[in-house]
Amino acid sequence: MRRAAASVFSVALLLAGGVMAGCSAGVDIDAPGKELMDQAHQVANEALVAAATTGLQALQAAGGITEDAVRDALEKAGAAEVETRVVGDSLLFGAEVPGGCVYGSVGASGTVSIDLGGVNADGGCLREE
């Protein structure tokens, strides 16, 4: 009984710490520090993801994959505070959207990966992939 009470208290402290740090959703225990985007925000951001995907695919078709071009395409789709980083032959990106982040990559091989989710443990949206 005492162990169960200690566990409940520990979880309560973790959740309170998340609220005090500005978290607005639950914590995914399988990925410590990764906040989940709630379903309502995911649905609301579907149009943004579609527009961003179309814009990024157009950049690829035109051979215009640069950090500035990716930033512009995401901002035109409605994302804010876009961060980018080149890793190997891919350009990773992360940006703020209502309720969390949009993140993904554009590869030299012609792939576009884009997803919605919560903020990283550091409070940003650029993943470490």
N, C-alpha and C. Protein backbone atom coordinates (compact mmCIF):
# COMPACT_ATOMS: atom_id res chain seq x y z
N MET A 1 0.83 -1.19 0.00
CA MET A 1 0.00 0.00 0.00
C MET A 1 0.87 1.25 0.00
N ARG A 2 1.90 1.23 0.84
CA ARG A 2 2.79 2.40 0.93
C ARG A 2 3.52 2.61 -0.40
N ARG A 3 3.93 1.51 -1.07
CA ARG A 3 4.61 1.60 -2.36
C ARG A 3 3.68 2.17 -3.42
N ALA A 4 2.41 1.76 -3.43
CA ALA A 4 1.43 2.28 -4.39
C ALA A 4 1.21 3.77 -4.17
N ALA A 5 1.14 4.19 -2.92
CA ALA A 5 0.95 5.62 -2.62
C ALA A 5 2.17 6.41 -3.09
N ALA A 6 3.36 5.86 -2.92
CA ALA A 6 4.57 6.54 -3.38
C ALA A 6 4.58 6.66 -4.89
N SER A 7 4.13 5.62 -5.58
CA SER A 7 4.08 5.65 -7.05
C SER A 7 3.08 6.70 -7.53
N VAL A 8 1.93 6.75 -6.91
CA VAL A 8 0.92 7.74 -7.28
C VAL A 8 1.46 9.14 -7.03
N PHE A 9 2.14 9.33 -5.91
CA PHE A 9 2.72 10.63 -5.59
C PHE A 9 3.78 11.01 -6.62
N SER A 10 4.62 10.05 -7.04
CA SER A 10 5.66 10.32 -8.05
C SER A 10 5.05 10.74 -9.37
N VAL A 11 4.01 10.03 -9.79
CA VAL A 11 3.33 10.39 -11.04
C VAL A 11 2.71 11.77 -10.92
N ALA A 12 2.10 12.07 -9.79
CA ALA A 12 1.50 13.39 -9.59
C ALA A 12 2.55 14.48 -9.68
N LEU A 13 3.73 14.24 -9.11
CA LEU A 13 4.81 15.23 -9.20
C LEU A 13 5.27 15.41 -10.64
N LEU A 14 5.38 14.32 -11.39
CA LEU A 14 5.77 14.43 -12.79
C LEU A 14 4.75 15.23 -13.59
N LEU A 15 3.48 14.95 -13.37
CA LEU A 15 2.43 15.67 -14.08
C LEU A 15 2.40 17.13 -13.68
N ALA A 16 2.55 17.41 -12.40
CA ALA A 16 2.55 18.80 -11.94
C ALA A 16 3.74 19.55 -12.53
N GLY A 17 4.89 18.88 -12.62
CA GLY A 17 6.06 19.50 -13.23
C GLY A 17 5.81 19.82 -14.69
N GLY A 18 5.11 18.94 -15.39
CA GLY A 18 4.78 19.18 -16.80
C GLY A 18 3.85 20.36 -16.96
N VAL A 19 2.87 20.48 -16.07
CA VAL A 19 1.94 21.61 -16.12
C VAL A 19 2.68 22.90 -15.84
N MET A 20 3.56 22.89 -14.85
CA MET A 20 4.31 24.09 -14.51
C MET A 20 5.25 24.49 -15.64
N ALA A 21 5.70 23.52 -16.47
CA ALA A 21 6.60 23.82 -17.58
C ALA A 21 5.83 24.23 -18.82
N GLY A 22 4.52 24.30 -18.75
CA GLY A 22 3.72 24.76 -19.88
C GLY A 22 3.16 23.64 -20.73
N CYS A 23 3.19 22.42 -20.27
CA CYS A 23 2.66 21.31 -21.04
C CYS A 23 1.14 21.38 -21.07
N SER A 24 0.57 20.98 -22.21
CA SER A 24 -0.88 21.06 -22.32
C SER A 24 -1.52 19.71 -22.58
N ALA A 25 -0.72 18.65 -22.66
CA ALA A 25 -1.29 17.34 -22.93
C ALA A 25 -0.57 16.30 -22.07
N GLY A 26 -0.97 15.03 -22.22
CA GLY A 26 -0.37 13.97 -21.45
C GLY A 26 1.05 13.68 -21.90
N VAL A 27 1.77 12.90 -21.12
CA VAL A 27 3.14 12.53 -21.45
C VAL A 27 3.15 11.09 -21.92
N ASP A 28 3.83 10.84 -23.02
CA ASP A 28 3.99 9.49 -23.57
C ASP A 28 5.10 8.81 -22.79
N ILE A 29 4.78 7.84 -21.97
CA ILE A 29 5.75 7.17 -21.11
C ILE A 29 6.82 6.46 -21.94
N ASP A 30 6.48 5.97 -23.14
CA ASP A 30 7.45 5.29 -23.99
C ASP A 30 8.50 6.24 -24.58
N ALA A 31 8.23 7.53 -24.57
CA ALA A 31 9.17 8.52 -25.10
C ALA A 31 9.23 9.67 -24.11
N PRO A 32 10.00 9.50 -23.03
CA PRO A 32 10.04 10.52 -21.97
C PRO A 32 10.26 11.93 -22.51
N GLY A 33 9.43 12.85 -22.05
CA GLY A 33 9.56 14.24 -22.47
C GLY A 33 8.82 14.57 -23.75
N LYS A 34 8.35 13.59 -24.47
CA LYS A 34 7.64 13.85 -25.72
C LYS A 34 6.16 14.01 -25.42
N GLU A 35 5.67 15.20 -25.63
CA GLU A 35 4.28 15.50 -25.37
C GLU A 35 3.43 15.09 -26.57
N LEU A 36 2.28 14.54 -26.33
CA LEU A 36 1.40 14.14 -27.41
C LEU A 36 0.47 15.27 -27.82
N MET A 37 0.18 15.35 -29.09
CA MET A 37 -0.80 16.31 -29.59
C MET A 37 -2.17 15.66 -29.46
N ASP A 38 -3.13 16.40 -28.93
CA ASP A 38 -4.45 15.81 -28.77
C ASP A 38 -5.16 15.67 -30.13
N GLN A 39 -6.16 14.83 -30.17
CA GLN A 39 -6.87 14.49 -31.40
C GLN A 39 -7.51 15.70 -32.06
N ALA A 40 -8.07 16.62 -31.29
CA ALA A 40 -8.71 17.81 -31.86
C ALA A 40 -7.71 18.66 -32.63
N HIS A 41 -6.50 18.83 -32.08
CA HIS A 41 -5.47 19.60 -32.78
C HIS A 41 -4.97 18.85 -34.01
N GLN A 42 -4.87 17.53 -33.93
CA GLN A 42 -4.45 16.76 -35.11
C GLN A 42 -5.41 16.97 -36.26
N VAL A 43 -6.70 16.88 -35.97
CA VAL A 43 -7.72 17.07 -37.02
C VAL A 43 -7.65 18.50 -37.57
N ALA A 44 -7.51 19.47 -36.67
CA ALA A 44 -7.45 20.87 -37.11
C ALA A 44 -6.22 21.15 -37.96
N ASN A 45 -5.14 20.41 -37.78
CA ASN A 45 -3.90 20.64 -38.52
C ASN A 45 -3.77 19.81 -39.79
N GLU A 46 -4.76 18.99 -40.11
CA GLU A 46 -4.67 18.14 -41.31
C GLU A 46 -4.52 18.96 -42.59
N ALA A 47 -5.22 20.08 -42.71
CA ALA A 47 -5.11 20.92 -43.90
C ALA A 47 -3.70 21.51 -44.01
N LEU A 48 -3.13 21.89 -42.88
CA LEU A 48 -1.77 22.41 -42.88
C LEU A 48 -0.79 21.35 -43.36
N VAL A 49 -0.94 20.13 -42.90
CA VAL A 49 -0.06 19.03 -43.31
C VAL A 49 -0.21 18.78 -44.81
N ALA A 50 -1.44 18.79 -45.31
CA ALA A 50 -1.66 18.58 -46.74
C ALA A 50 -1.00 19.68 -47.57
N ALA A 51 -1.17 20.93 -47.15
CA ALA A 51 -0.56 22.06 -47.87
C ALA A 51 0.96 22.00 -47.80
N ALA A 52 1.50 21.66 -46.64
CA ALA A 52 2.95 21.56 -46.49
C ALA A 52 3.51 20.43 -47.35
N THR A 53 2.83 19.29 -47.36
CA THR A 53 3.27 18.16 -48.17
C THR A 53 3.30 18.54 -49.65
N THR A 54 2.24 19.18 -50.13
CA THR A 54 2.17 19.62 -51.53
C THR A 54 3.31 20.59 -51.84
N GLY A 55 3.54 21.54 -50.95
CA GLY A 55 4.61 22.51 -51.16
C GLY A 55 5.99 21.88 -51.18
N LEU A 56 6.23 20.94 -50.28
CA LEU A 56 7.54 20.27 -50.21
C LEU A 56 7.75 19.36 -51.41
N GLN A 57 6.69 18.68 -51.86
CA GLN A 57 6.81 17.83 -53.06
C GLN A 57 7.08 18.68 -54.30
N ALA A 58 6.48 19.86 -54.37
CA ALA A 58 6.73 20.77 -55.50
C ALA A 58 8.19 21.24 -55.49
N LEU A 59 8.72 21.52 -54.31
CA LEU A 59 10.13 21.90 -54.21
C LEU A 59 11.04 20.78 -54.72
N GLN A 60 10.72 19.56 -54.33
CA GLN A 60 11.51 18.43 -54.77
C GLN A 60 11.46 18.28 -56.28
N ALA A 61 10.26 18.39 -56.85
CA ALA A 61 10.11 18.24 -58.30
C ALA A 61 10.91 19.31 -59.05
N ALA A 62 11.00 20.49 -58.47
CA ALA A 62 11.73 21.59 -59.10
C ALA A 62 13.22 21.58 -58.76
N GLY A 63 13.62 20.65 -57.89
CA GLY A 63 15.02 20.57 -57.48
C GLY A 63 15.43 21.73 -56.59
N GLY A 64 14.47 22.29 -55.85
CA GLY A 64 14.75 23.47 -55.03
C GLY A 64 14.76 23.22 -53.54
N ILE A 65 15.31 22.10 -53.12
CA ILE A 65 15.33 21.79 -51.69
C ILE A 65 16.49 22.53 -51.02
N THR A 66 16.17 23.63 -50.38
CA THR A 66 17.13 24.36 -49.57
C THR A 66 16.46 24.62 -48.23
N GLU A 67 17.25 24.97 -47.23
CA GLU A 67 16.67 25.25 -45.92
C GLU A 67 15.70 26.43 -46.01
N ASP A 68 16.07 27.47 -46.75
CA ASP A 68 15.18 28.63 -46.89
C ASP A 68 13.89 28.27 -47.61
N ALA A 69 13.99 27.46 -48.67
CA ALA A 69 12.80 27.07 -49.44
C ALA A 69 11.86 26.22 -48.60
N VAL A 70 12.41 25.31 -47.80
CA VAL A 70 11.59 24.47 -46.93
C VAL A 70 10.92 25.33 -45.87
N ARG A 71 11.68 26.25 -45.30
CA ARG A 71 11.13 27.17 -44.30
C ARG A 71 9.95 27.96 -44.90
N ASP A 72 10.14 28.50 -46.09
CA ASP A 72 9.08 29.27 -46.76
C ASP A 72 7.84 28.42 -47.03
N ALA A 73 8.05 27.19 -47.52
CA ALA A 73 6.91 26.31 -47.82
C ALA A 73 6.10 26.00 -46.57
N LEU A 74 6.78 25.74 -45.46
CA LEU A 74 6.08 25.44 -44.21
C LEU A 74 5.35 26.66 -43.67
N GLU A 75 5.98 27.82 -43.76
CA GLU A 75 5.32 29.05 -43.29
C GLU A 75 4.10 29.38 -44.15
N LYS A 76 4.19 29.16 -45.46
CA LYS A 76 3.04 29.39 -46.34
C LYS A 76 1.89 28.47 -45.99
N ALA A 77 2.21 27.26 -45.52
CA ALA A 77 1.18 26.30 -45.13
C ALA A 77 0.54 26.66 -43.79
N GLY A 78 1.21 27.54 -43.01
CA GLY A 78 0.64 27.96 -41.74
C GLY A 78 1.46 27.64 -40.52
N ALA A 79 2.63 27.04 -40.68
CA ALA A 79 3.49 26.73 -39.55
C ALA A 79 4.28 27.97 -39.14
N ALA A 80 4.80 27.96 -37.92
CA ALA A 80 5.57 29.09 -37.40
C ALA A 80 6.87 28.59 -36.77
N GLU A 81 7.82 29.49 -36.59
CA GLU A 81 9.08 29.16 -35.91
C GLU A 81 9.73 27.91 -36.50
N VAL A 82 9.89 27.90 -37.82
CA VAL A 82 10.44 26.74 -38.52
C VAL A 82 11.95 26.62 -38.26
N GLU A 83 12.36 25.42 -37.88
CA GLU A 83 13.77 25.10 -37.70
C GLU A 83 14.14 24.01 -38.69
N THR A 84 15.36 24.07 -39.23
CA THR A 84 15.82 23.05 -40.17
C THR A 84 17.23 22.61 -39.81
N ARG A 85 17.59 21.42 -40.31
CA ARG A 85 18.94 20.90 -40.12
C ARG A 85 19.17 19.85 -41.20
N VAL A 86 20.36 19.87 -41.80
CA VAL A 86 20.74 18.88 -42.80
C VAL A 86 21.44 17.73 -42.09
N VAL A 87 20.95 16.51 -42.37
CA VAL A 87 21.55 15.30 -41.83
C VAL A 87 21.71 14.32 -42.99
N GLY A 88 22.94 14.06 -43.37
CA GLY A 88 23.19 13.17 -44.51
C GLY A 88 22.61 13.77 -45.76
N ASP A 89 21.77 13.00 -46.45
CA ASP A 89 21.14 13.50 -47.67
C ASP A 89 19.69 13.94 -47.43
N SER A 90 19.35 14.21 -46.19
CA SER A 90 18.00 14.67 -45.85
C SER A 90 18.03 16.02 -45.15
N LEU A 91 16.98 16.77 -45.34
CA LEU A 91 16.80 18.03 -44.63
C LEU A 91 15.68 17.82 -43.63
N LEU A 92 16.00 17.87 -42.35
CA LEU A 92 15.00 17.71 -41.29
C LEU A 92 14.38 19.06 -40.99
N PHE A 93 13.10 19.06 -40.61
CA PHE A 93 12.43 20.29 -40.23
C PHE A 93 11.50 20.06 -39.06
N GLY A 94 11.23 21.11 -38.33
CA GLY A 94 10.29 21.09 -37.23
C GLY A 94 9.72 22.50 -37.09
N ALA A 95 8.42 22.61 -36.84
CA ALA A 95 7.79 23.92 -36.74
C ALA A 95 6.59 23.86 -35.81
N GLU A 96 6.28 25.02 -35.25
CA GLU A 96 5.13 25.12 -34.35
C GLU A 96 3.82 25.19 -35.15
N VAL A 97 2.83 24.48 -34.64
CA VAL A 97 1.45 24.54 -35.13
C VAL A 97 0.56 24.57 -33.90
N PRO A 98 -0.71 24.94 -34.07
CA PRO A 98 -1.59 24.94 -32.90
C PRO A 98 -1.62 23.57 -32.21
N GLY A 99 -1.30 23.55 -30.94
CA GLY A 99 -1.35 22.32 -30.15
C GLY A 99 -0.10 21.47 -30.19
N GLY A 100 0.94 21.90 -30.89
CA GLY A 100 2.16 21.08 -30.94
C GLY A 100 3.08 21.45 -32.07
N CYS A 101 3.49 20.41 -32.81
CA CYS A 101 4.51 20.59 -33.84
C CYS A 101 4.17 19.81 -35.10
N VAL A 102 4.71 20.28 -36.21
CA VAL A 102 4.77 19.52 -37.45
C VAL A 102 6.26 19.29 -37.68
N TYR A 103 6.62 18.08 -38.03
CA TYR A 103 8.02 17.75 -38.20
C TYR A 103 8.18 16.68 -39.25
N GLY A 104 9.39 16.55 -39.77
CA GLY A 104 9.64 15.53 -40.77
C GLY A 104 10.93 15.78 -41.50
N SER A 105 10.99 15.26 -42.74
CA SER A 105 12.20 15.40 -43.54
C SER A 105 11.87 15.40 -45.02
N VAL A 106 12.80 15.97 -45.76
CA VAL A 106 12.75 15.94 -47.21
C VAL A 106 14.07 15.32 -47.64
N GLY A 107 13.98 14.19 -48.36
CA GLY A 107 15.19 13.47 -48.73
C GLY A 107 15.60 13.72 -50.17
N ALA A 108 16.88 13.61 -50.42
CA ALA A 108 17.40 13.77 -51.77
C ALA A 108 16.89 12.66 -52.69
N SER A 109 16.47 11.54 -52.11
CA SER A 109 15.98 10.41 -52.88
C SER A 109 14.53 10.59 -53.33
N GLY A 110 13.92 11.73 -52.99
CA GLY A 110 12.56 11.99 -53.42
C GLY A 110 11.50 11.71 -52.38
N THR A 111 11.89 11.49 -51.15
CA THR A 111 10.90 11.20 -50.11
C THR A 111 10.56 12.45 -49.31
N VAL A 112 9.30 12.56 -48.96
CA VAL A 112 8.83 13.60 -48.05
C VAL A 112 8.13 12.89 -46.91
N SER A 113 8.59 13.15 -45.71
CA SER A 113 7.98 12.59 -44.51
C SER A 113 7.52 13.76 -43.66
N ILE A 114 6.25 13.75 -43.28
CA ILE A 114 5.71 14.85 -42.46
C ILE A 114 4.72 14.27 -41.47
N ASP A 115 4.78 14.77 -40.24
CA ASP A 115 3.92 14.23 -39.18
C ASP A 115 3.59 15.31 -38.17
N LEU A 116 2.58 15.07 -37.39
CA LEU A 116 2.18 15.96 -36.30
C LEU A 116 2.50 15.30 -34.98
N GLY A 117 2.80 16.09 -33.99
CA GLY A 117 3.05 15.55 -32.67
C GLY A 117 3.25 16.66 -31.66
N GLY A 118 3.66 16.26 -30.50
CA GLY A 118 3.89 17.22 -29.44
C GLY A 118 5.30 17.79 -29.50
N VAL A 119 5.56 18.69 -28.60
CA VAL A 119 6.87 19.32 -28.54
C VAL A 119 7.90 18.36 -27.95
N ASN A 120 9.17 18.59 -28.27
CA ASN A 120 10.27 17.81 -27.71
C ASN A 120 10.46 18.15 -26.24
N ALA A 121 11.25 17.37 -25.58
CA ALA A 121 11.55 17.62 -24.16
C ALA A 121 12.20 18.99 -23.97
N ASP A 122 12.93 19.48 -24.99
CA ASP A 122 13.58 20.79 -24.88
C ASP A 122 12.64 21.94 -25.21
N GLY A 123 11.39 21.63 -25.55
CA GLY A 123 10.40 22.66 -25.86
C GLY A 123 10.35 23.04 -27.32
N GLY A 124 11.20 22.48 -28.15
CA GLY A 124 11.23 22.79 -29.57
C GLY A 124 10.53 21.71 -30.40
N CYS A 125 10.59 21.89 -31.71
CA CYS A 125 9.91 20.96 -32.61
C CYS A 125 10.85 20.17 -33.52
N LEU A 126 12.10 20.54 -33.61
CA LEU A 126 13.03 19.85 -34.49
C LEU A 126 13.48 18.55 -33.84
N ARG A 127 13.19 17.44 -34.49
CA ARG A 127 13.53 16.12 -33.95
C ARG A 127 15.01 15.81 -34.15
N GLU A 128 15.51 14.85 -33.44
CA GLU A 128 16.92 14.47 -33.51
C GLU A 128 17.19 13.37 -34.54
N GLU A 129 16.23 12.95 -35.28
CA GLU A 129 16.32 11.80 -36.20
C GLU A 129 17.54 11.81 -37.04
